[in-house]
Amino acid sequence: MHNIWVHDPGRDRFVLQINLEDGAETGWRYRRDPRITLPWDSAVASVDSVPTGTPVTQLLWKSPDPSPRDEHDLDVARHLLTPAQRRWLRDAVRLAHPHSPWADDPRLGHP
């Protein structure tokens, strides 16, 4: 089990997804390709005291087959990423998901 979904029956929708992430004391490891790692403080941030995946880890999860909503998320989030974070994401997508449309996406910079 890697995800826990919380459903609100009153609104008839899922309201929270909890990811059980892989890693070690030294850092986070991408479950789909363990060659891809990040220090925990780069992979997880606290949002209102709730540990939350950072934009780069969230986008990496979306990258294999991005939906229109995922494309929108990349458009919005890329402006929040540093050049180093965009390069890390581009390189991680290329390594784990070379057939992803984001592998050579100019929004993530050039090699």
Protein backbone atom coordinates (compact mmCIF):
# COMPACT_ATOMS: atom_id res chain seq x y z
CA MET A 1 0.00 0.00 0.00
CA HIS A 2 1.48 3.32 -1.07
CA ASN A 3 -1.48 5.72 -0.84
CA ILE A 4 -4.29 6.30 1.60
CA TRP A 5 -7.32 8.20 0.31
CA VAL A 6 -9.72 9.98 2.65
CA HIS A 7 -13.28 10.29 1.32
CA ASP A 8 -15.78 12.86 2.58
CA PRO A 9 -19.21 11.23 2.13
CA GLY A 10 -20.98 14.54 2.75
CA ARG A 11 -19.30 16.08 -0.29
CA ASP A 12 -19.05 12.73 -2.11
CA ARG A 13 -15.40 13.23 -3.00
CA PHE A 14 -11.91 12.45 -1.88
CA VAL A 15 -10.46 15.28 0.17
CA LEU A 16 -7.00 14.01 1.11
CA GLN A 17 -4.36 11.70 -0.29
CA ILE A 18 -1.61 10.46 2.01
CA ASN A 19 1.45 9.09 0.23
CA LEU A 20 3.63 6.61 2.06
CA GLU A 21 7.02 7.54 0.64
CA ASP A 22 10.17 5.50 0.34
CA GLY A 23 13.56 6.50 1.63
CA ALA A 24 16.13 6.18 4.33
CA GLU A 25 17.41 8.35 7.13
CA THR A 26 19.52 10.25 4.58
CA GLY A 27 16.71 11.08 2.20
CA TRP A 28 13.74 10.41 0.00
CA ARG A 29 13.87 7.79 -2.76
CA TYR A 30 11.50 7.76 -5.75
CA ARG A 31 9.64 4.46 -5.54
CA ARG A 32 9.31 4.17 -9.34
CA ASP A 33 13.09 4.52 -9.84
CA PRO A 34 15.29 4.24 -6.72
CA ARG A 35 18.21 5.90 -8.54
CA ILE A 36 16.38 9.19 -8.00
CA THR A 37 16.84 10.66 -4.55
CA LEU A 38 16.60 13.95 -2.69
CA PRO A 39 17.40 15.04 0.85
CA TRP A 40 14.22 14.91 2.92
CA ASP A 41 14.11 18.70 3.30
CA SER A 42 14.08 19.04 -0.51
CA ALA A 43 11.42 16.35 -1.00
CA VAL A 44 9.03 17.21 1.83
CA ALA A 45 7.99 20.59 3.21
CA SER A 46 5.74 21.50 6.11
CA VAL A 47 2.48 23.19 5.10
CA ASP A 48 0.50 24.23 8.17
CA SER A 49 2.48 21.60 10.11
CA VAL A 50 1.50 18.85 7.64
CA PRO A 51 4.40 17.13 5.83
CA THR A 52 3.72 17.72 2.14
CA GLY A 53 5.55 16.69 -1.04
CA THR A 54 7.43 19.58 -2.57
CA PRO A 55 6.51 20.75 -6.07
CA VAL A 56 9.44 18.86 -7.66
CA THR A 57 8.42 15.53 -6.12
CA GLN A 58 4.74 16.09 -6.94
CA LEU A 59 5.59 16.96 -10.55
CA LEU A 60 7.86 13.93 -10.89
CA TRP A 61 4.94 11.69 -9.85
CA LYS A 62 2.77 13.36 -12.51
CA SER A 63 5.38 13.17 -15.28
CA PRO A 64 4.93 9.66 -16.79
CA ASP A 65 1.59 10.51 -18.45
CA PRO A 66 0.59 14.08 -17.63
CA SER A 67 -3.09 15.01 -17.86
CA PRO A 68 -4.24 18.53 -18.84
CA ARG A 69 -4.48 19.30 -15.10
CA ASP A 70 -0.87 18.10 -14.62
CA GLU A 71 0.23 20.35 -17.50
CA HIS A 72 -1.46 23.26 -15.74
CA ASP A 73 0.31 22.33 -12.50
CA LEU A 74 3.67 22.37 -14.30
CA ASP A 75 2.89 25.77 -15.85
CA VAL A 76 2.09 27.24 -12.44
CA ALA A 77 4.75 25.48 -10.37
CA ARG A 78 7.69 26.01 -12.71
CA HIS A 79 7.71 29.70 -11.81
CA LEU A 80 8.12 28.73 -8.16
CA LEU A 81 11.09 26.43 -8.84
CA THR A 82 14.68 27.58 -8.81
CA PRO A 83 16.78 26.85 -11.90
CA ALA A 84 18.48 24.04 -9.94
CA GLN A 85 15.10 22.50 -9.06
CA ARG A 86 13.94 22.69 -12.69
CA ARG A 87 17.18 20.98 -13.80
CA TRP A 88 16.77 18.28 -11.13
CA LEU A 89 13.18 17.65 -12.25
CA ARG A 90 14.15 17.54 -15.93
CA ASP A 91 17.00 15.11 -15.23
CA ALA A 92 14.81 12.94 -12.98
CA VAL A 93 12.05 12.76 -15.60
CA ARG A 94 14.58 11.87 -18.29
CA LEU A 95 16.05 9.11 -16.14
CA ALA A 96 12.83 7.56 -14.82
CA HIS A 97 10.41 8.38 -17.64
CA PRO A 98 12.35 9.04 -20.87
CA HIS A 99 9.16 8.78 -22.95
CA SER A 100 7.39 11.47 -20.93
CA PRO A 101 6.53 14.62 -22.88
CA TRP A 102 8.27 16.50 -20.06
CA ALA A 103 11.63 14.81 -20.71
CA ASP A 104 12.51 17.52 -23.26
CA ASP A 105 10.05 20.17 -22.20
CA PRO A 106 11.52 23.69 -22.53
CA ARG A 107 9.59 24.74 -19.40
CA LEU A 108 12.16 22.72 -17.44
CA GLY A 109 15.16 24.33 -19.13
CA HIS A 110 17.74 23.10 -21.54
CA PRO A 111 20.51 20.58 -20.88
